[in-house]
Amino acid sequence: MFDFISDYDDPSLWGAFWMTVKLTFFSGIGSLVWGTLLAAMRVSPVPLMRGFGTAYVNIVRNIPLTVIIVFTSLGLADIFRITLGAGNDVKVMSFRLAILGFIVYTAAFVCEAIRSGINTVPLGQAEAARAIGLNFSQTLRLIVLPQAFRSVIGPLANVLIALTKNTTVAAAIGVAEAAYLMKTMIENEAQTLLIGAVFAFGFVVLTLPTGLFLGWLSKRLAVKR
């Protein structure tokens, strides 16, 4: 019954899920960094930075992810010849461009999650930090963000799980992740329901432990107020 799996043995079946993991990992790291910077902009006392952060989040969140991913391929690569150092290696270029697209999109949601955490930090702590001579960046880095991150582990876990599922969009530009392989297998095999069930189970295996672990971590590190 499962003979079709052996026909797509590593690096096809297992390699596809490994590609999904790599897309999630690198996109998650990049989104966390860029999203944190955007959150800092959104609470910045500088109007220009605050306006940029607000405009970025509101615009990007309302653009379909597929449009962003396709633009990174057709727009950046084909029109502007931006290959992110991949040269003529199409597979590597598509992988890197997909990560860039995921970072651009997911960072907007990371930003809002972190900003909600910043809003939970009592205003008096920031005022006390300024009273002892700390500037805005020092206050944010040393006082506010450490508490904000502890209070938004749960929401960030949801963003990470959504990112894992969103990696299926990378198939639109030829990245050989799980959804891309599933489409190929369905086209070549007659066991559509079984193939779909196998890939659905694979994504459950990827996302469920992550959600459970980060949910436990959120309770463990919750800020007591």
C-alpha atoms as a PDB file:
ATOM      1  CA  MET A   1       0.000   0.000   0.000  1.00  0.00           C
ATOM      2  CA  PHE A   2       2.892   2.356   0.744  1.00  0.00           C
ATOM      3  CA  ASP A   3       5.023   1.282  -2.217  1.00  0.00           C
ATOM      4  CA  PHE A   4       4.682   4.733  -3.760  1.00  0.00           C
ATOM      5  CA  ILE A   5       6.721   6.183  -0.868  1.00  0.00           C
ATOM      6  CA  SER A   6       9.772   4.097  -1.671  1.00  0.00           C
ATOM      7  CA  ASP A   7       9.676   5.427  -5.224  1.00  0.00           C
ATOM      8  CA  TYR A   8      10.272   8.914  -3.789  1.00  0.00           C
ATOM      9  CA  ASP A   9      12.889   8.000  -1.216  1.00  0.00           C
ATOM     10  CA  ASP A  10      15.492  10.468   0.012  1.00  0.00           C
ATOM     11  CA  PRO A  11      16.356  13.006  -1.225  1.00  0.00           C
ATOM     12  CA  SER A  12      12.839  13.286  -2.678  1.00  0.00           C
ATOM     13  CA  LEU A  13      10.303  12.536   0.079  1.00  0.00           C
ATOM     14  CA  TRP A  14      12.449  13.076   3.150  1.00  0.00           C
ATOM     15  CA  GLY A  15      14.514  15.700   1.354  1.00  0.00           C
ATOM     16  CA  ALA A  16      11.334  17.663   0.617  1.00  0.00           C
ATOM     17  CA  PHE A  17      10.418  17.821   4.298  1.00  0.00           C
ATOM     18  CA  TRP A  18      14.012  18.716   5.149  1.00  0.00           C
ATOM     19  CA  MET A  19      13.700  21.583   2.663  1.00  0.00           C
ATOM     20  CA  THR A  20      10.538  22.680   4.496  1.00  0.00           C
ATOM     21  CA  VAL A  21      12.446  22.631   7.787  1.00  0.00           C
ATOM     22  CA  LYS A  22      15.275  24.713   6.301  1.00  0.00           C
ATOM     23  CA  LEU A  23      12.855  27.231   4.835  1.00  0.00           C
ATOM     24  CA  THR A  24      11.120  27.543   8.203  1.00  0.00           C
ATOM     25  CA  PHE A  25      14.346  27.852  10.183  1.00  0.00           C
ATOM     26  CA  PHE A  26      16.090  30.499   8.089  1.00  0.00           C
ATOM     27  CA  SER A  27      12.893  32.430   7.414  1.00  0.00           C
ATOM     28  CA  GLY A  28      12.009  32.298  11.117  1.00  0.00           C
ATOM     29  CA  ILE A  29      15.383  33.699  12.183  1.00  0.00           C
ATOM     30  CA  GLY A  30      15.263  36.449   9.581  1.00  0.00           C
ATOM     31  CA  SER A  31      11.654  37.314  10.414  1.00  0.00           C
ATOM     32  CA  LEU A  32      12.445  37.560  14.121  1.00  0.00           C
ATOM     33  CA  VAL A  33      15.334  39.962  13.496  1.00  0.00           C
ATOM     34  CA  TRP A  34      13.497  42.144  10.968  1.00  0.00           C
ATOM     35  CA  GLY A  35      10.238  41.979  12.913  1.00  0.00           C
ATOM     36  CA  THR A  36      11.999  43.133  16.086  1.00  0.00           C
ATOM     37  CA  LEU A  37      13.509  46.081  14.235  1.00  0.00           C
ATOM     38  CA  LEU A  38      10.091  46.962  12.830  1.00  0.00           C
ATOM     39  CA  ALA A  39       8.567  46.799  16.314  1.00  0.00           C
ATOM     40  CA  ALA A  40      11.283  49.134  17.571  1.00  0.00           C
ATOM     41  CA  MET A  41      10.426  51.521  14.736  1.00  0.00           C
ATOM     42  CA  ARG A  42       6.722  51.390  15.567  1.00  0.00           C
ATOM     43  CA  VAL A  43       7.343  52.544  19.149  1.00  0.00           C
ATOM     44  CA  SER A  44      10.156  54.915  18.238  1.00  0.00           C
ATOM     45  CA  PRO A  45       9.912  58.593  19.221  1.00  0.00           C
ATOM     46  CA  VAL A  46      11.128  59.480  15.696  1.00  0.00           C
ATOM     47  CA  PRO A  47       8.060  60.169  13.502  1.00  0.00           C
ATOM     48  CA  LEU A  48       9.756  59.053  10.256  1.00  0.00           C
ATOM     49  CA  MET A  49      10.726  55.668  11.658  1.00  0.00           C
ATOM     50  CA  ARG A  50       7.343  55.229  13.302  1.00  0.00           C
ATOM     51  CA  GLY A  51       5.599  56.085  10.035  1.00  0.00           C
ATOM     52  CA  PHE A  52       7.756  53.645   8.051  1.00  0.00           C
ATOM     53  CA  GLY A  53       7.090  50.806  10.480  1.00  0.00           C
ATOM     54  CA  THR A  54       3.340  51.447  10.463  1.00  0.00           C
ATOM     55  CA  ALA A  55       3.150  51.709   6.673  1.00  0.00           C
ATOM     56  CA  TYR A  56       5.247  48.565   6.174  1.00  0.00           C
ATOM     57  CA  VAL A  57       3.099  46.433   8.462  1.00  0.00           C
ATOM     58  CA  ASN A  58      -0.219  47.680   7.102  1.00  0.00           C
ATOM     59  CA  ILE A  59       0.822  47.248   3.472  1.00  0.00           C
ATOM     60  CA  VAL A  60       2.617  43.901   3.695  1.00  0.00           C
ATOM     61  CA  ARG A  61      -0.060  42.223   5.805  1.00  0.00           C
ATOM     62  CA  ASN A  62      -2.631  43.010   3.115  1.00  0.00           C
ATOM     63  CA  ILE A  63      -0.612  41.566   0.224  1.00  0.00           C
ATOM     64  CA  PRO A  64      -1.133  37.829  -0.456  1.00  0.00           C
ATOM     65  CA  LEU A  65       1.971  35.788   0.333  1.00  0.00           C
ATOM     66  CA  THR A  66       1.859  34.158  -3.096  1.00  0.00           C
ATOM     67  CA  VAL A  67       2.195  37.579  -4.734  1.00  0.00           C
ATOM     68  CA  ILE A  68       5.261  38.381  -2.621  1.00  0.00           C
ATOM     69  CA  ILE A  69       6.922  35.028  -3.330  1.00  0.00           C
ATOM     70  CA  VAL A  70       6.264  35.229  -7.065  1.00  0.00           C
ATOM     71  CA  PHE A  71       7.556  38.814  -7.134  1.00  0.00           C
ATOM     72  CA  THR A  72      10.831  37.739  -5.537  1.00  0.00           C
ATOM     73  CA  SER A  73      11.302  35.325  -8.436  1.00  0.00           C
ATOM     74  CA  LEU A  74       9.859  37.188 -11.410  1.00  0.00           C
ATOM     75  CA  GLY A  75      10.615  40.662 -10.123  1.00  0.00           C
ATOM     76  CA  LEU A  76      13.953  40.473  -8.357  1.00  0.00           C
ATOM     77  CA  ALA A  77      15.517  37.610 -10.312  1.00  0.00           C
ATOM     78  CA  ASP A  78      14.113  37.958 -13.816  1.00  0.00           C
ATOM     79  CA  ILE A  79      13.762  41.738 -14.074  1.00  0.00           C
ATOM     80  CA  PHE A  80      16.390  43.162 -11.715  1.00  0.00           C
ATOM     81  CA  ARG A  81      18.789  40.191 -11.942  1.00  0.00           C
ATOM     82  CA  ILE A  82      19.112  39.942  -8.161  1.00  0.00           C
ATOM     83  CA  THR A  83      20.262  36.382  -7.405  1.00  0.00           C
ATOM     84  CA  LEU A  84      21.488  36.818  -3.801  1.00  0.00           C
ATOM     85  CA  GLY A  85      24.869  35.378  -4.691  1.00  0.00           C
ATOM     86  CA  ALA A  86      23.485  32.178  -6.222  1.00  0.00           C
ATOM     87  CA  GLY A  87      24.950  32.856  -9.670  1.00  0.00           C
ATOM     88  CA  ASN A  88      23.438  30.574 -12.297  1.00  0.00           C
ATOM     89  CA  ASP A  89      22.290  27.934  -9.809  1.00  0.00           C
ATOM     90  CA  VAL A  90      18.522  28.180 -10.199  1.00  0.00           C
ATOM     91  CA  LYS A  91      17.715  25.887  -7.258  1.00  0.00           C
ATOM     92  CA  VAL A  92      19.874  27.830  -4.799  1.00  0.00           C
ATOM     93  CA  MET A  93      18.559  31.136  -6.124  1.00  0.00           C
ATOM     94  CA  SER A  94      14.925  30.042  -5.768  1.00  0.00           C
ATOM     95  CA  PHE A  95      15.611  28.821  -2.212  1.00  0.00           C
ATOM     96  CA  ARG A  96      17.210  32.111  -1.159  1.00  0.00           C
ATOM     97  CA  LEU A  97      14.571  34.245  -2.853  1.00  0.00           C
ATOM     98  CA  ALA A  98      11.823  32.219  -1.176  1.00  0.00           C
ATOM     99  CA  ILE A  99      13.425  32.853   2.215  1.00  0.00           C
ATOM    100  CA  LEU A 100      13.596  36.566   1.440  1.00  0.00           C
ATOM    101  CA  GLY A 101       9.904  36.594   0.528  1.00  0.00           C
ATOM    102  CA  PHE A 102       8.925  34.753   3.696  1.00  0.00           C
ATOM    103  CA  ILE A 103      10.976  37.155   5.814  1.00  0.00           C
ATOM    104  CA  VAL A 104       9.372  40.202   4.189  1.00  0.00           C
ATOM    105  CA  TYR A 105       5.879  38.803   4.834  1.00  0.00           C
ATOM    106  CA  THR A 106       6.243  37.100   8.219  1.00  0.00           C
ATOM    107  CA  ALA A 107       8.182  39.964   9.821  1.00  0.00           C
ATOM    108  CA  ALA A 108       5.024  42.085   9.720  1.00  0.00           C
ATOM    109  CA  PHE A 109       3.226  39.581  11.964  1.00  0.00           C
ATOM    110  CA  VAL A 110       6.269  39.162  14.218  1.00  0.00           C
ATOM    111  CA  CYS A 111       6.375  42.945  14.583  1.00  0.00           C
ATOM    112  CA  GLU A 112       2.780  43.133  15.769  1.00  0.00           C
ATOM    113  CA  ALA A 113       3.276  40.254  18.211  1.00  0.00           C
ATOM    114  CA  ILE A 114       6.329  41.925  19.736  1.00  0.00           C
ATOM    115  CA  ARG A 115       4.642  45.326  19.806  1.00  0.00           C
ATOM    116  CA  SER A 116       1.775  43.820  21.782  1.00  0.00           C
ATOM    117  CA  GLY A 117       4.369  42.494  24.235  1.00  0.00           C
ATOM    118  CA  ILE A 118       5.979  45.927  24.499  1.00  0.00           C
ATOM    119  CA  ASN A 119       2.600  47.380  25.399  1.00  0.00           C
ATOM    120  CA  THR A 120       2.348  44.978  28.358  1.00  0.00           C
ATOM    121  CA  VAL A 121       5.484  46.403  29.979  1.00  0.00           C
ATOM    122  CA  PRO A 122       4.485  49.010  32.603  1.00  0.00           C
ATOM    123  CA  LEU A 123       5.193  52.544  31.412  1.00  0.00           C
ATOM    124  CA  GLY A 124       6.794  53.339  34.747  1.00  0.00           C
ATOM    125  CA  GLN A 125       9.724  51.042  33.981  1.00  0.00           C
ATOM    126  CA  ALA A 126      10.603  52.979  30.834  1.00  0.00           C
ATOM    127  CA  GLU A 127      10.253  56.255  32.705  1.00  0.00           C
ATOM    128  CA  ALA A 128      12.525  54.969  35.468  1.00  0.00           C
ATOM    129  CA  ALA A 129      15.101  53.896  32.853  1.00  0.00           C
ATOM    130  CA  ARG A 130      15.081  57.363  31.309  1.00  0.00           C
ATOM    131  CA  ALA A 131      15.374  58.894  34.767  1.00  0.00           C
ATOM    132  CA  ILE A 132      18.681  57.113  35.353  1.00  0.00           C
ATOM    133  CA  GLY A 133      20.064  58.333  32.031  1.00  0.00           C
ATOM    134  CA  LEU A 134      19.270  55.508  29.586  1.00  0.00           C
ATOM    135  CA  ASN A 135      18.365  56.588  26.059  1.00  0.00           C
ATOM    136  CA  PHE A 136      15.552  55.095  23.976  1.00  0.00           C
ATOM    137  CA  SER A 137      17.591  52.278  22.403  1.00  0.00           C
ATOM    138  CA  GLN A 138      19.136  51.289  25.740  1.00  0.00           C
ATOM    139  CA  THR A 139      15.751  51.309  27.451  1.00  0.00           C
ATOM    140  CA  LEU A 140      14.262  49.187  24.689  1.00  0.00           C
ATOM    141  CA  ARG A 141      17.155  46.718  24.592  1.00  0.00           C
ATOM    142  CA  LEU A 142      17.822  46.331  28.308  1.00  0.00           C
ATOM    143  CA  ILE A 143      14.435  46.877  29.943  1.00  0.00           C
ATOM    144  CA  VAL A 144      11.510  46.561  27.571  1.00  0.00           C
ATOM    145  CA  LEU A 145      12.339  43.891  24.973  1.00  0.00           C
ATOM    146  CA  PRO A 146      13.467  41.177  27.433  1.00  0.00           C
ATOM    147  CA  GLN A 147      10.081  41.381  29.170  1.00  0.00           C
ATOM    148  CA  ALA A 148       8.193  41.753  25.898  1.00  0.00           C
ATOM    149  CA  PHE A 149       9.721  38.595  24.425  1.00  0.00           C
ATOM    150  CA  ARG A 150       8.803  36.577  27.504  1.00  0.00           C
ATOM    151  CA  SER A 151       5.177  37.665  27.238  1.00  0.00           C
ATOM    152  CA  VAL A 152       4.768  36.903  23.511  1.00  0.00           C
ATOM    153  CA  ILE A 153       6.310  33.438  23.190  1.00  0.00           C
ATOM    154  CA  GLY A 154       2.818  32.039  22.631  1.00  0.00           C
ATOM    155  CA  PRO A 155       1.891  34.457  19.816  1.00  0.00           C
ATOM    156  CA  LEU A 156       5.328  34.010  18.230  1.00  0.00           C
ATOM    157  CA  ALA A 157       4.780  30.237  18.324  1.00  0.00           C
ATOM    158  CA  ASN A 158       1.586  30.736  16.329  1.00  0.00           C
ATOM    159  CA  VAL A 159       3.479  32.849  13.797  1.00  0.00           C
ATOM    160  CA  LEU A 160       6.145  30.138  13.494  1.00  0.00           C
ATOM    161  CA  ILE A 161       3.538  27.424  12.941  1.00  0.00           C
ATOM    162  CA  ALA A 162       1.845  29.582  10.309  1.00  0.00           C
ATOM    163  CA  LEU A 163       5.236  30.117   8.652  1.00  0.00           C
ATOM    164  CA  THR A 164       5.834  26.360   8.520  1.00  0.00           C
ATOM    165  CA  LYS A 165       2.548  25.894   6.687  1.00  0.00           C
ATOM    166  CA  ASN A 166       3.146  28.922   4.495  1.00  0.00           C
ATOM    167  CA  THR A 167       6.365  27.390   3.142  1.00  0.00           C
ATOM    168  CA  THR A 168       4.137  25.404   0.781  1.00  0.00           C
ATOM    169  CA  VAL A 169       3.811  28.618  -1.250  1.00  0.00           C
ATOM    170  CA  ALA A 170       7.492  28.260  -2.220  1.00  0.00           C
ATOM    171  CA  ALA A 171       6.369  25.568  -4.655  1.00  0.00           C
ATOM    172  CA  ALA A 172       5.089  28.418  -6.835  1.00  0.00           C
ATOM    173  CA  ILE A 173       8.679  29.326  -7.744  1.00  0.00           C
ATOM    174  CA  GLY A 174       9.968  25.771  -8.010  1.00  0.00           C
ATOM    175  CA  VAL A 175      11.433  25.187  -4.553  1.00  0.00           C
ATOM    176  CA  ALA A 176      11.320  21.424  -4.021  1.00  0.00           C
ATOM    177  CA  GLU A 177       9.692  21.422  -0.583  1.00  0.00           C
ATOM    178  CA  ALA A 178       6.915  19.120   0.635  1.00  0.00           C
ATOM    179  CA  ALA A 179       3.976  20.661  -1.256  1.00  0.00           C
ATOM    180  CA  TYR A 180       5.953  20.706  -4.504  1.00  0.00           C
ATOM    181  CA  LEU A 181       6.715  17.005  -4.181  1.00  0.00           C
ATOM    182  CA  MET A 182       3.135  16.214  -3.169  1.00  0.00           C
ATOM    183  CA  LYS A 183       1.863  17.866  -6.351  1.00  0.00           C
ATOM    184  CA  THR A 184       4.340  15.829  -8.422  1.00  0.00           C
ATOM    185  CA  MET A 185       3.392  12.577  -6.702  1.00  0.00           C
ATOM    186  CA  ILE A 186      -0.345  13.198  -7.149  1.00  0.00           C
ATOM    187  CA  GLU A 187       0.229  13.838 -10.849  1.00  0.00           C
ATOM    188  CA  ASN A 188       2.142  10.552 -11.202  1.00  0.00           C
ATOM    189  CA  GLU A 189       0.164   8.312  -8.835  1.00  0.00           C
ATOM    190  CA  ALA A 190      -3.471   7.286  -8.476  1.00  0.00           C
ATOM    191  CA  GLN A 191      -3.483   7.341  -4.655  1.00  0.00           C
ATOM    192  CA  THR A 192      -4.421  10.969  -4.106  1.00  0.00           C
ATOM    193  CA  LEU A 193      -6.033  10.532  -0.665  1.00  0.00           C
ATOM    194  CA  LEU A 194      -3.182   8.419   0.675  1.00  0.00           C
ATOM    195  CA  ILE A 195      -0.540  10.805  -0.582  1.00  0.00           C
ATOM    196  CA  GLY A 196      -2.421  13.760   0.896  1.00  0.00           C
ATOM    197  CA  ALA A 197      -2.733  11.954   4.224  1.00  0.00           C
ATOM    198  CA  VAL A 198       1.003  11.208   4.351  1.00  0.00           C
ATOM    199  CA  PHE A 199       1.945  14.835   3.723  1.00  0.00           C
ATOM    200  CA  ALA A 200      -0.690  16.122   6.144  1.00  0.00           C
ATOM    201  CA  PHE A 201       0.763  13.838   8.809  1.00  0.00           C
ATOM    202  CA  GLY A 202       4.239  15.134   7.981  1.00  0.00           C
ATOM    203  CA  PHE A 203       3.182  18.715   8.647  1.00  0.00           C
ATOM    204  CA  VAL A 204       1.488  17.691  11.900  1.00  0.00           C
ATOM    205  CA  VAL A 205       4.771  16.097  12.991  1.00  0.00           C
ATOM    206  CA  LEU A 206       6.591  19.333  12.182  1.00  0.00           C
ATOM    207  CA  THR A 207       4.178  21.766  13.816  1.00  0.00           C
ATOM    208  CA  LEU A 208       2.598  19.974  16.789  1.00  0.00           C
ATOM    209  CA  PRO A 209       5.798  19.437  18.840  1.00  0.00           C
ATOM    210  CA  THR A 210       6.817  23.032  18.126  1.00  0.00           C
ATOM    211  CA  GLY A 211       3.503  24.357  19.392  1.00  0.00           C
ATOM    212  CA  LEU A 212       3.543  22.162  22.500  1.00  0.00           C
ATOM    213  CA  PHE A 213       7.140  23.056  23.389  1.00  0.00           C
ATOM    214  CA  LEU A 214       6.730  26.793  22.884  1.00  0.00           C
ATOM    215  CA  GLY A 215       3.417  26.713  24.750  1.00  0.00           C
ATOM    216  CA  TRP A 216       5.189  25.099  27.714  1.00  0.00           C
ATOM    217  CA  LEU A 217       8.050  27.604  27.412  1.00  0.00           C
ATOM    218  CA  SER A 218       5.567  30.489  27.380  1.00  0.00           C
ATOM    219  CA  LYS A 219       4.089  29.367  30.702  1.00  0.00           C
ATOM    220  CA  ARG A 220       7.520  28.671  32.147  1.00  0.00           C
ATOM    221  CA  LEU A 221       8.923  32.117  31.297  1.00  0.00           C
ATOM    222  CA  ALA A 222       5.761  34.169  31.777  1.00  0.00           C
ATOM    223  CA  VAL A 223       6.379  37.503  33.480  1.00  0.00           C
ATOM    224  CA  LYS A 224       4.708  37.561  36.885  1.00  0.00           C
ATOM    225  CA  ARG A 225       2.930  40.848  37.444  1.00  0.00           C
END
